[in-house]
Amino acid sequence: MIEVLYFAWVRERIGIPRERIETGAKTVADLVEELQRREDRYAAAFEDLRALRVAIDQELTDFSASLEGAREVAFFPPMTGG
């Protein structure tokens, strides 16, 4: 079981801030593919991965990262400074 968090416009497109899911995904990319197949709202949120960042257990990583031992995955748009 893994906790998946969605922030900013990702949360708006999917319609929920978080969910716990059972997954057999080995990498973040595998998880994204599973989510995209769920419903159109997930497909829309993950349509352009270049517009997203990901963190595993609050550490920034990339979509090829392993999910082994992960408790939490968070998806969010890139941060901009001001």
N, C-alpha and C. Protein backbone atom coordinates (compact mmCIF):
# COMPACT_ATOMS: atom_id res chain seq x y z
N MET A 1 0.85 -1.18 0.00
CA MET A 1 0.00 0.00 0.00
C MET A 1 0.90 1.24 0.00
N ILE A 2 0.55 2.20 -0.82
CA ILE A 2 1.34 3.42 -0.93
C ILE A 2 0.40 4.63 -0.91
N GLU A 3 0.84 5.68 -0.26
CA GLU A 3 0.08 6.94 -0.19
C GLU A 3 0.50 7.79 -1.38
N VAL A 4 -0.46 8.24 -2.18
CA VAL A 4 -0.17 9.08 -3.34
C VAL A 4 -0.79 10.45 -3.08
N LEU A 5 0.04 11.48 -3.16
CA LEU A 5 -0.40 12.86 -2.90
C LEU A 5 -0.38 13.66 -4.20
N TYR A 6 -1.38 14.52 -4.35
CA TYR A 6 -1.49 15.36 -5.54
C TYR A 6 -1.57 16.82 -5.09
N PHE A 7 -0.79 17.69 -5.74
CA PHE A 7 -0.76 19.10 -5.36
C PHE A 7 -1.09 20.01 -6.53
N ALA A 8 -1.59 21.20 -6.21
CA ALA A 8 -1.88 22.27 -7.18
C ALA A 8 -2.82 21.78 -8.28
N TRP A 9 -2.49 22.05 -9.54
CA TRP A 9 -3.41 21.70 -10.63
C TRP A 9 -3.54 20.20 -10.82
N VAL A 10 -2.57 19.42 -10.35
CA VAL A 10 -2.69 17.96 -10.43
C VAL A 10 -3.87 17.52 -9.57
N ARG A 11 -3.95 18.06 -8.36
CA ARG A 11 -5.07 17.78 -7.44
C ARG A 11 -6.39 18.23 -8.06
N GLU A 12 -6.38 19.39 -8.68
CA GLU A 12 -7.61 19.91 -9.29
C GLU A 12 -8.11 19.01 -10.41
N ARG A 13 -7.22 18.52 -11.23
CA ARG A 13 -7.63 17.65 -12.35
C ARG A 13 -8.12 16.29 -11.86
N ILE A 14 -7.46 15.75 -10.85
CA ILE A 14 -7.85 14.43 -10.35
C ILE A 14 -9.06 14.54 -9.42
N GLY A 15 -9.13 15.63 -8.67
CA GLY A 15 -10.30 15.87 -7.82
C GLY A 15 -10.15 15.43 -6.37
N ILE A 16 -8.99 14.93 -6.01
CA ILE A 16 -8.72 14.53 -4.62
C ILE A 16 -7.29 14.91 -4.26
N PRO A 17 -7.03 15.19 -2.98
CA PRO A 17 -5.67 15.57 -2.59
C PRO A 17 -4.74 14.38 -2.35
N ARG A 18 -5.32 13.21 -2.02
CA ARG A 18 -4.51 12.04 -1.70
C ARG A 18 -5.34 10.78 -1.77
N GLU A 19 -4.64 9.66 -1.90
CA GLU A 19 -5.31 8.36 -1.84
C GLU A 19 -4.29 7.30 -1.51
N ARG A 20 -4.75 6.23 -0.91
CA ARG A 20 -3.91 5.07 -0.64
C ARG A 20 -4.25 4.02 -1.68
N ILE A 21 -3.22 3.53 -2.35
CA ILE A 21 -3.49 2.55 -3.40
C ILE A 21 -2.59 1.32 -3.24
N GLU A 22 -3.12 0.22 -3.68
CA GLU A 22 -2.37 -1.03 -3.78
C GLU A 22 -1.81 -1.06 -5.20
N THR A 23 -0.50 -1.22 -5.33
CA THR A 23 0.11 -1.19 -6.65
C THR A 23 1.21 -2.22 -6.76
N GLY A 24 1.40 -2.72 -7.95
CA GLY A 24 2.51 -3.60 -8.24
C GLY A 24 3.61 -2.87 -9.00
N ALA A 25 3.47 -1.55 -9.11
CA ALA A 25 4.43 -0.74 -9.87
C ALA A 25 5.83 -0.84 -9.26
N LYS A 26 6.81 -0.98 -10.14
CA LYS A 26 8.22 -1.04 -9.70
C LYS A 26 8.87 0.34 -9.67
N THR A 27 8.41 1.24 -10.56
CA THR A 27 8.98 2.59 -10.65
C THR A 27 7.85 3.62 -10.63
N VAL A 28 8.23 4.87 -10.49
CA VAL A 28 7.24 5.94 -10.56
C VAL A 28 6.55 5.93 -11.92
N ALA A 29 7.32 5.71 -12.99
CA ALA A 29 6.73 5.68 -14.33
C ALA A 29 5.67 4.58 -14.44
N ASP A 30 5.94 3.42 -13.84
CA ASP A 30 4.96 2.33 -13.83
C ASP A 30 3.69 2.75 -13.09
N LEU A 31 3.87 3.44 -11.97
CA LEU A 31 2.72 3.91 -11.19
C LEU A 31 1.90 4.89 -12.02
N VAL A 32 2.57 5.81 -12.70
CA VAL A 32 1.87 6.78 -13.54
C VAL A 32 1.06 6.06 -14.62
N GLU A 33 1.64 5.05 -15.24
CA GLU A 33 0.91 4.29 -16.26
C GLU A 33 -0.34 3.64 -15.67
N GLU A 34 -0.21 3.07 -14.47
CA GLU A 34 -1.38 2.47 -13.79
C GLU A 34 -2.46 3.53 -13.57
N LEU A 35 -2.05 4.68 -13.07
CA LEU A 35 -3.01 5.75 -12.77
C LEU A 35 -3.67 6.25 -14.06
N GLN A 36 -2.90 6.42 -15.11
CA GLN A 36 -3.45 6.91 -16.38
C GLN A 36 -4.54 5.98 -16.91
N ARG A 37 -4.39 4.69 -16.69
CA ARG A 37 -5.38 3.72 -17.17
C ARG A 37 -6.65 3.71 -16.33
N ARG A 38 -6.62 4.29 -15.15
CA ARG A 38 -7.78 4.27 -14.26
C ARG A 38 -8.99 5.00 -14.84
N GLU A 39 -8.79 6.27 -15.15
CA GLU A 39 -9.89 7.14 -15.59
C GLU A 39 -9.32 8.30 -16.40
N ASP A 40 -10.20 8.98 -17.12
CA ASP A 40 -9.78 10.12 -17.93
C ASP A 40 -9.15 11.23 -17.10
N ARG A 41 -9.65 11.43 -15.88
CA ARG A 41 -9.10 12.53 -15.06
C ARG A 41 -7.63 12.28 -14.72
N TYR A 42 -7.25 11.03 -14.50
CA TYR A 42 -5.85 10.70 -14.26
C TYR A 42 -5.04 10.86 -15.55
N ALA A 43 -5.60 10.40 -16.64
CA ALA A 43 -4.91 10.53 -17.93
C ALA A 43 -4.63 12.01 -18.22
N ALA A 44 -5.58 12.88 -17.93
CA ALA A 44 -5.40 14.32 -18.15
C ALA A 44 -4.32 14.90 -17.23
N ALA A 45 -4.32 14.48 -15.99
CA ALA A 45 -3.35 15.01 -15.03
C ALA A 45 -1.92 14.60 -15.38
N PHE A 46 -1.76 13.40 -15.93
CA PHE A 46 -0.43 12.89 -16.24
C PHE A 46 -0.12 12.90 -17.73
N GLU A 47 -0.82 13.74 -18.46
CA GLU A 47 -0.65 13.81 -19.91
C GLU A 47 0.76 14.24 -20.32
N ASP A 48 1.32 15.22 -19.64
CA ASP A 48 2.63 15.76 -19.98
C ASP A 48 3.54 15.69 -18.76
N LEU A 49 4.34 14.64 -18.66
CA LEU A 49 5.18 14.46 -17.49
C LEU A 49 6.27 15.52 -17.37
N ARG A 50 6.57 16.20 -18.47
CA ARG A 50 7.56 17.30 -18.40
C ARG A 50 7.05 18.44 -17.54
N ALA A 51 5.73 18.51 -17.34
CA ALA A 51 5.13 19.58 -16.54
C ALA A 51 4.95 19.16 -15.08
N LEU A 52 5.53 18.03 -14.70
CA LEU A 52 5.37 17.51 -13.34
C LEU A 52 6.70 17.22 -12.67
N ARG A 53 6.69 17.29 -11.36
CA ARG A 53 7.80 16.85 -10.53
C ARG A 53 7.25 15.76 -9.62
N VAL A 54 8.16 14.95 -9.11
CA VAL A 54 7.75 13.86 -8.24
C VAL A 54 8.72 13.75 -7.07
N ALA A 55 8.17 13.36 -5.93
CA ALA A 55 8.98 13.10 -4.74
C ALA A 55 8.55 11.76 -4.15
N ILE A 56 9.53 11.00 -3.70
CA ILE A 56 9.27 9.76 -2.98
C ILE A 56 9.71 9.98 -1.55
N ASP A 57 8.78 9.76 -0.63
CA ASP A 57 9.05 9.98 0.80
C ASP A 57 9.72 11.33 1.04
N GLN A 58 9.18 12.36 0.39
CA GLN A 58 9.56 13.76 0.52
C GLN A 58 10.96 14.08 -0.01
N GLU A 59 11.48 13.23 -0.90
CA GLU A 59 12.76 13.49 -1.57
C GLU A 59 12.52 13.62 -3.06
N LEU A 60 12.92 14.74 -3.65
CA LEU A 60 12.75 14.91 -5.10
C LEU A 60 13.48 13.81 -5.85
N THR A 61 12.84 13.32 -6.89
CA THR A 61 13.42 12.25 -7.69
C THR A 61 12.91 12.36 -9.11
N ASP A 62 13.11 11.33 -9.91
CA ASP A 62 12.58 11.36 -11.27
C ASP A 62 11.66 10.16 -11.50
N PHE A 63 11.07 10.11 -12.67
CA PHE A 63 10.05 9.11 -12.95
C PHE A 63 10.62 7.70 -13.12
N SER A 64 11.93 7.57 -13.25
CA SER A 64 12.53 6.25 -13.36
C SER A 64 12.89 5.67 -12.00
N ALA A 65 12.65 6.43 -10.93
CA ALA A 65 13.02 6.00 -9.58
C ALA A 65 12.22 4.78 -9.14
N SER A 66 12.89 3.92 -8.39
CA SER A 66 12.27 2.72 -7.84
C SER A 66 11.30 3.07 -6.71
N LEU A 67 10.23 2.30 -6.62
CA LEU A 67 9.26 2.47 -5.54
C LEU A 67 9.51 1.49 -4.40
N GLU A 68 10.55 0.69 -4.51
CA GLU A 68 10.83 -0.30 -3.47
C GLU A 68 10.98 0.38 -2.11
N GLY A 69 10.18 -0.03 -1.16
CA GLY A 69 10.23 0.52 0.19
C GLY A 69 9.55 1.88 0.35
N ALA A 70 9.04 2.44 -0.73
CA ALA A 70 8.41 3.78 -0.65
C ALA A 70 7.08 3.71 0.12
N ARG A 71 6.86 4.72 0.94
CA ARG A 71 5.59 4.86 1.66
C ARG A 71 4.70 5.92 1.03
N GLU A 72 5.33 6.90 0.36
CA GLU A 72 4.59 8.04 -0.16
C GLU A 72 5.19 8.52 -1.47
N VAL A 73 4.31 8.85 -2.41
CA VAL A 73 4.72 9.46 -3.68
C VAL A 73 3.89 10.72 -3.85
N ALA A 74 4.54 11.82 -4.17
CA ALA A 74 3.84 13.09 -4.36
C ALA A 74 4.09 13.62 -5.77
N PHE A 75 3.03 14.12 -6.39
CA PHE A 75 3.12 14.72 -7.72
C PHE A 75 2.73 16.18 -7.63
N PHE A 76 3.51 17.05 -8.28
CA PHE A 76 3.26 18.50 -8.21
C PHE A 76 3.92 19.19 -9.39
N PRO A 77 3.44 20.38 -9.73
CA PRO A 77 4.08 21.15 -10.79
C PRO A 77 5.41 21.72 -10.29
N PRO A 78 6.30 22.11 -11.20
CA PRO A 78 7.57 22.71 -10.78
C PRO A 78 7.32 23.96 -9.96
N MET A 79 8.16 24.17 -8.99
CA MET A 79 8.07 25.37 -8.14
C MET A 79 8.72 26.53 -8.85
N THR A 80 8.14 27.70 -8.68
CA THR A 80 8.75 28.90 -9.24
C THR A 80 9.06 29.85 -8.10
N GLY A 81 10.17 30.52 -8.20
CA GLY A 81 10.57 31.46 -7.15
C GLY A 81 10.05 32.85 -7.43
N GLY A 82 10.16 33.72 -6.45
CA GLY A 82 9.67 35.06 -6.67
C GLY A 82 10.39 36.08 -5.87
